[in-house]
Amino acid sequence: MQMARLVFIVLLIFAEAFQPVSLQSMPQPATEEVQELLNGIQSEVEESVGSEFDVYVAKLYITHVVSGVDYFVKGYIGNDKYIHVRFHKGFEMAGSMVTLTTVQEGKKEDDDLIYS
């Protein structure tokens, strides 16, 4: 009986540890780490939109943990233009590779950053 109870408790703890992580309720100001990650995929983002950026600054971000971390970043690209960039960073044990997922063009400063 005690062994069954112990197994049940361990299963509850295990299940709690692997509950889906919800999105941050509000976008956070971009950190130096987020800027560095964004810099690492700048050429891919530029290729995706078909132009090079004179300015490329992360402003806000949202993360979601899924087999690594999905980032959704609002970036300023100059001339009152913004883009929303989604990319994935694998966990360290998986090589922590950063992969561009999508780029949304035509964004403005006051456009909400909504994880999608």
N, C-alpha and C. Protein backbone atom coordinates (compact mmCIF):
# COMPACT_ATOMS: atom_id res chain seq x y z
N MET A 1 0.82 -1.19 0.00
CA MET A 1 0.00 0.00 0.00
C MET A 1 0.87 1.26 0.00
N GLN A 2 1.94 1.26 0.83
CA GLN A 2 2.81 2.42 0.87
C GLN A 2 3.53 2.59 -0.45
N MET A 3 3.92 1.49 -1.08
CA MET A 3 4.62 1.57 -2.36
C MET A 3 3.69 2.18 -3.42
N ALA A 4 2.43 1.78 -3.43
CA ALA A 4 1.47 2.34 -4.38
C ALA A 4 1.30 3.84 -4.15
N ARG A 5 1.26 4.24 -2.90
CA ARG A 5 1.12 5.66 -2.57
C ARG A 5 2.35 6.44 -3.03
N LEU A 6 3.52 5.87 -2.82
CA LEU A 6 4.77 6.51 -3.23
C LEU A 6 4.81 6.65 -4.76
N VAL A 7 4.42 5.59 -5.46
CA VAL A 7 4.39 5.65 -6.92
C VAL A 7 3.41 6.72 -7.38
N PHE A 8 2.26 6.81 -6.76
CA PHE A 8 1.26 7.81 -7.11
C PHE A 8 1.82 9.22 -6.91
N ILE A 9 2.50 9.46 -5.81
CA ILE A 9 3.08 10.78 -5.53
C ILE A 9 4.15 11.12 -6.57
N VAL A 10 4.99 10.15 -6.88
CA VAL A 10 6.04 10.38 -7.88
C VAL A 10 5.40 10.70 -9.23
N LEU A 11 4.36 9.99 -9.61
CA LEU A 11 3.68 10.25 -10.88
C LEU A 11 3.05 11.64 -10.89
N LEU A 12 2.48 12.06 -9.78
CA LEU A 12 1.91 13.42 -9.70
C LEU A 12 2.99 14.48 -9.88
N ILE A 13 4.11 14.28 -9.22
CA ILE A 13 5.22 15.24 -9.35
C ILE A 13 5.71 15.26 -10.79
N PHE A 14 5.88 14.09 -11.39
CA PHE A 14 6.34 13.99 -12.77
C PHE A 14 5.36 14.67 -13.72
N ALA A 15 4.08 14.42 -13.54
CA ALA A 15 3.05 15.02 -14.40
C ALA A 15 3.04 16.53 -14.26
N GLU A 16 3.21 17.03 -13.05
CA GLU A 16 3.24 18.48 -12.81
C GLU A 16 4.42 19.12 -13.51
N ALA A 17 5.55 18.44 -13.51
CA ALA A 17 6.77 18.99 -14.12
C ALA A 17 6.64 19.10 -15.64
N PHE A 18 5.78 18.29 -16.25
CA PHE A 18 5.65 18.31 -17.69
C PHE A 18 4.34 18.89 -18.18
N GLN A 19 3.72 19.74 -17.38
CA GLN A 19 2.53 20.44 -17.82
C GLN A 19 2.93 21.45 -18.90
N PRO A 20 2.08 21.69 -19.88
CA PRO A 20 2.42 22.68 -20.90
C PRO A 20 2.68 24.03 -20.25
N VAL A 21 3.67 24.73 -20.77
CA VAL A 21 4.00 26.05 -20.25
C VAL A 21 3.16 27.07 -21.01
N SER A 22 2.48 27.91 -20.30
CA SER A 22 1.65 28.91 -20.97
C SER A 22 2.51 30.06 -21.45
N LEU A 23 1.99 30.79 -22.40
CA LEU A 23 2.69 31.95 -22.91
C LEU A 23 2.76 33.03 -21.85
N GLN A 24 3.75 33.88 -21.98
CA GLN A 24 3.80 35.02 -21.07
C GLN A 24 2.57 35.87 -21.37
N SER A 25 1.97 36.40 -20.33
CA SER A 25 0.74 37.17 -20.53
C SER A 25 1.02 38.49 -21.22
N MET A 26 2.19 39.03 -21.01
CA MET A 26 2.55 40.31 -21.63
C MET A 26 3.93 40.20 -22.26
N PRO A 27 4.12 40.80 -23.42
CA PRO A 27 5.47 40.84 -23.98
C PRO A 27 6.42 41.53 -23.02
N GLN A 28 7.66 41.09 -23.04
CA GLN A 28 8.70 41.63 -22.18
C GLN A 28 9.66 42.48 -23.01
N PRO A 29 10.28 43.49 -22.39
CA PRO A 29 11.31 44.24 -23.12
C PRO A 29 12.43 43.28 -23.53
N ALA A 30 12.95 43.46 -24.73
CA ALA A 30 14.00 42.59 -25.23
C ALA A 30 15.25 42.70 -24.37
N THR A 31 15.91 41.58 -24.20
CA THR A 31 17.14 41.51 -23.42
C THR A 31 18.33 41.45 -24.38
N GLU A 32 19.51 41.55 -23.81
CA GLU A 32 20.73 41.42 -24.61
C GLU A 32 20.79 40.03 -25.25
N GLU A 33 20.36 39.01 -24.53
CA GLU A 33 20.36 37.65 -25.07
C GLU A 33 19.44 37.54 -26.28
N VAL A 34 18.24 38.14 -26.19
CA VAL A 34 17.30 38.09 -27.31
C VAL A 34 17.89 38.81 -28.51
N GLN A 35 18.54 39.96 -28.29
CA GLN A 35 19.17 40.70 -29.38
C GLN A 35 20.26 39.85 -30.04
N GLU A 36 21.05 39.17 -29.23
CA GLU A 36 22.12 38.32 -29.79
C GLU A 36 21.54 37.18 -30.63
N LEU A 37 20.46 36.58 -30.15
CA LEU A 37 19.82 35.51 -30.92
C LEU A 37 19.27 36.05 -32.24
N LEU A 38 18.64 37.22 -32.17
CA LEU A 38 18.10 37.86 -33.38
C LEU A 38 19.22 38.21 -34.35
N ASN A 39 20.34 38.71 -33.83
CA ASN A 39 21.49 39.03 -34.68
C ASN A 39 21.98 37.79 -35.43
N GLY A 40 21.92 36.65 -34.76
CA GLY A 40 22.40 35.41 -35.35
C GLY A 40 21.62 34.94 -36.56
N ILE A 41 20.39 35.43 -36.72
CA ILE A 41 19.57 35.03 -37.87
C ILE A 41 19.25 36.22 -38.77
N GLN A 42 19.98 37.32 -38.62
CA GLN A 42 19.69 38.53 -39.39
C GLN A 42 19.73 38.28 -40.89
N SER A 43 20.74 37.59 -41.38
CA SER A 43 20.83 37.37 -42.83
C SER A 43 19.64 36.55 -43.34
N GLU A 44 19.17 35.59 -42.55
CA GLU A 44 18.00 34.80 -42.96
C GLU A 44 16.74 35.66 -42.97
N VAL A 45 16.60 36.55 -41.99
CA VAL A 45 15.45 37.43 -41.93
C VAL A 45 15.48 38.39 -43.12
N GLU A 46 16.64 38.96 -43.41
CA GLU A 46 16.78 39.87 -44.56
C GLU A 46 16.45 39.16 -45.86
N GLU A 47 16.93 37.93 -46.00
CA GLU A 47 16.63 37.15 -47.20
C GLU A 47 15.13 36.89 -47.31
N SER A 48 14.49 36.62 -46.17
CA SER A 48 13.05 36.34 -46.15
C SER A 48 12.23 37.54 -46.63
N VAL A 49 12.66 38.75 -46.26
CA VAL A 49 11.89 39.95 -46.64
C VAL A 49 12.43 40.59 -47.91
N GLY A 50 13.60 40.15 -48.37
CA GLY A 50 14.14 40.65 -49.63
C GLY A 50 14.83 42.00 -49.54
N SER A 51 15.32 42.37 -48.36
CA SER A 51 16.08 43.62 -48.24
C SER A 51 17.00 43.56 -47.02
N GLU A 52 18.02 44.40 -47.04
CA GLU A 52 18.95 44.48 -45.92
C GLU A 52 18.52 45.62 -45.00
N PHE A 53 18.82 45.48 -43.71
CA PHE A 53 18.42 46.46 -42.71
C PHE A 53 19.63 47.28 -42.26
N ASP A 54 19.43 48.60 -42.18
CA ASP A 54 20.45 49.47 -41.58
C ASP A 54 20.34 49.41 -40.07
N VAL A 55 19.11 49.21 -39.60
CA VAL A 55 18.81 49.11 -38.16
C VAL A 55 18.13 47.78 -37.95
N TYR A 56 18.47 47.10 -36.84
CA TYR A 56 17.90 45.77 -36.57
C TYR A 56 17.93 45.58 -35.07
N VAL A 57 16.87 46.07 -34.40
CA VAL A 57 16.87 46.12 -32.94
C VAL A 57 15.65 45.40 -32.38
N ALA A 58 15.90 44.43 -31.51
CA ALA A 58 14.82 43.73 -30.81
C ALA A 58 14.21 44.68 -29.79
N LYS A 59 12.89 44.81 -29.79
CA LYS A 59 12.20 45.70 -28.85
C LYS A 59 11.44 44.92 -27.78
N LEU A 60 10.64 43.95 -28.18
CA LEU A 60 9.82 43.15 -27.26
C LEU A 60 9.92 41.69 -27.66
N TYR A 61 9.61 40.81 -26.69
CA TYR A 61 9.60 39.39 -27.04
C TYR A 61 8.66 38.62 -26.13
N ILE A 62 8.25 37.46 -26.65
CA ILE A 62 7.44 36.49 -25.93
C ILE A 62 8.14 35.15 -26.15
N THR A 63 8.13 34.27 -25.15
CA THR A 63 8.69 32.94 -25.35
C THR A 63 7.65 31.88 -25.03
N HIS A 64 7.90 30.69 -25.58
CA HIS A 64 7.06 29.52 -25.34
C HIS A 64 8.00 28.32 -25.37
N VAL A 65 7.94 27.50 -24.33
CA VAL A 65 8.82 26.34 -24.24
C VAL A 65 8.17 25.15 -24.92
N VAL A 66 8.83 24.64 -25.96
CA VAL A 66 8.38 23.46 -26.72
C VAL A 66 9.62 22.80 -27.31
N SER A 67 10.10 21.73 -26.74
CA SER A 67 11.30 21.06 -27.24
C SER A 67 12.42 22.06 -27.51
N GLY A 68 12.53 23.02 -26.66
CA GLY A 68 13.42 24.16 -26.81
C GLY A 68 12.60 25.39 -26.48
N VAL A 69 12.96 26.52 -27.04
CA VAL A 69 12.22 27.75 -26.77
C VAL A 69 11.86 28.43 -28.09
N ASP A 70 10.57 28.70 -28.29
CA ASP A 70 10.13 29.52 -29.41
C ASP A 70 10.16 30.96 -28.95
N TYR A 71 10.74 31.82 -29.76
CA TYR A 71 10.78 33.26 -29.50
C TYR A 71 9.92 33.96 -30.54
N PHE A 72 9.17 34.95 -30.11
CA PHE A 72 8.42 35.80 -31.01
C PHE A 72 8.84 37.21 -30.66
N VAL A 73 9.53 37.89 -31.59
CA VAL A 73 10.20 39.15 -31.30
C VAL A 73 9.68 40.26 -32.20
N LYS A 74 9.41 41.42 -31.59
CA LYS A 74 9.12 42.63 -32.36
C LYS A 74 10.45 43.33 -32.57
N GLY A 75 10.80 43.52 -33.85
CA GLY A 75 12.07 44.16 -34.17
C GLY A 75 11.86 45.46 -34.93
N TYR A 76 12.65 46.46 -34.59
CA TYR A 76 12.63 47.74 -35.29
C TYR A 76 13.67 47.69 -36.41
N ILE A 77 13.26 48.05 -37.65
CA ILE A 77 14.17 47.99 -38.78
C ILE A 77 14.37 49.36 -39.43
N GLY A 78 14.03 50.43 -38.72
CA GLY A 78 14.25 51.78 -39.22
C GLY A 78 13.05 52.36 -39.94
N ASN A 79 13.06 53.68 -40.09
CA ASN A 79 12.00 54.41 -40.82
C ASN A 79 10.60 54.08 -40.31
N ASP A 80 10.44 53.98 -39.01
CA ASP A 80 9.15 53.66 -38.38
C ASP A 80 8.59 52.32 -38.83
N LYS A 81 9.46 51.39 -39.25
CA LYS A 81 9.03 50.06 -39.69
C LYS A 81 9.44 49.03 -38.66
N TYR A 82 8.55 48.06 -38.48
CA TYR A 82 8.78 46.96 -37.54
C TYR A 82 8.49 45.65 -38.24
N ILE A 83 9.07 44.59 -37.72
CA ILE A 83 8.77 43.23 -38.16
C ILE A 83 8.55 42.37 -36.92
N HIS A 84 7.82 41.30 -37.09
CA HIS A 84 7.68 40.30 -36.03
C HIS A 84 8.37 39.05 -36.53
N VAL A 85 9.31 38.56 -35.73
CA VAL A 85 10.14 37.42 -36.13
C VAL A 85 9.92 36.29 -35.14
N ARG A 86 9.61 35.13 -35.67
CA ARG A 86 9.47 33.94 -34.83
C ARG A 86 10.63 33.00 -35.16
N PHE A 87 11.31 32.53 -34.11
CA PHE A 87 12.38 31.56 -34.31
C PHE A 87 12.43 30.61 -33.14
N HIS A 88 13.12 29.51 -33.34
CA HIS A 88 13.20 28.45 -32.34
C HIS A 88 14.65 28.23 -31.95
N LYS A 89 14.89 28.10 -30.66
CA LYS A 89 16.22 27.78 -30.14
C LYS A 89 16.11 26.46 -29.41
N GLY A 90 16.85 25.46 -29.89
CA GLY A 90 16.82 24.14 -29.27
C GLY A 90 17.48 24.17 -27.90
N PHE A 91 17.13 23.19 -27.07
CA PHE A 91 17.78 23.05 -25.77
C PHE A 91 19.26 22.75 -25.98
N GLU A 92 20.08 23.10 -25.00
CA GLU A 92 21.53 22.91 -25.09
C GLU A 92 21.89 21.48 -25.43
N MET A 93 21.21 20.49 -24.84
CA MET A 93 21.55 19.09 -25.10
C MET A 93 21.23 18.71 -26.54
N ALA A 94 20.39 19.49 -27.21
CA ALA A 94 20.05 19.22 -28.60
C ALA A 94 20.86 20.09 -29.56
N GLY A 95 21.88 20.77 -29.05
CA GLY A 95 22.75 21.58 -29.90
C GLY A 95 22.42 23.06 -29.89
N SER A 96 21.38 23.46 -29.23
CA SER A 96 20.91 24.85 -29.10
C SER A 96 20.96 25.63 -30.41
N MET A 97 20.60 24.97 -31.48
CA MET A 97 20.55 25.59 -32.79
C MET A 97 19.38 26.58 -32.87
N VAL A 98 19.58 27.71 -33.55
CA VAL A 98 18.53 28.71 -33.73
C VAL A 98 18.03 28.61 -35.17
N THR A 99 16.70 28.46 -35.31
CA THR A 99 16.09 28.27 -36.61
C THR A 99 14.98 29.29 -36.82
N LEU A 100 15.05 30.03 -37.92
CA LEU A 100 14.00 30.99 -38.27
C LEU A 100 12.73 30.24 -38.64
N THR A 101 11.60 30.70 -38.11
CA THR A 101 10.31 30.07 -38.41
C THR A 101 9.50 30.94 -39.37
N THR A 102 9.20 32.18 -38.95
CA THR A 102 8.42 33.09 -39.81
C THR A 102 8.85 34.54 -39.57
N VAL A 103 8.54 35.37 -40.56
CA VAL A 103 8.74 36.82 -40.45
C VAL A 103 7.46 37.49 -40.93
N GLN A 104 6.93 38.40 -40.12
CA GLN A 104 5.76 39.17 -40.51
C GLN A 104 6.21 40.60 -40.77
N GLU A 105 6.00 41.07 -41.98
CA GLU A 105 6.40 42.43 -42.35
C GLU A 105 5.24 43.40 -42.17
N GLY A 106 5.54 44.69 -42.40
CA GLY A 106 4.49 45.72 -42.38
C GLY A 106 3.94 46.02 -41.01
N LYS A 107 4.70 45.77 -39.98
CA LYS A 107 4.24 46.03 -38.61
C LYS A 107 4.59 47.45 -38.20
N LYS A 108 3.84 47.95 -37.23
CA LYS A 108 4.05 49.30 -36.70
C LYS A 108 4.38 49.21 -35.22
N GLU A 109 4.88 50.29 -34.67
CA GLU A 109 5.28 50.31 -33.27
C GLU A 109 4.14 49.91 -32.34
N ASP A 110 2.92 50.36 -32.65
CA ASP A 110 1.81 50.08 -31.75
C ASP A 110 1.06 48.78 -32.06
N ASP A 111 1.53 48.01 -33.05
CA ASP A 111 0.93 46.70 -33.31
C ASP A 111 1.26 45.76 -32.14
N ASP A 112 0.24 45.07 -31.67
CA ASP A 112 0.44 44.12 -30.57
C ASP A 112 1.33 42.98 -31.03
N LEU A 113 2.21 42.56 -30.13
CA LEU A 113 3.02 41.37 -30.36
C LEU A 113 2.24 40.19 -29.80
N ILE A 114 1.66 39.42 -30.71
CA ILE A 114 0.83 38.29 -30.32
C ILE A 114 1.49 37.03 -30.83
N TYR A 115 1.75 36.12 -29.94
CA TYR A 115 2.40 34.87 -30.32
C TYR A 115 1.51 34.12 -31.28
N SER A 116 2.07 33.79 -32.44
CA SER A 116 1.29 33.03 -33.42
C SER A 116 2.21 32.14 -34.22
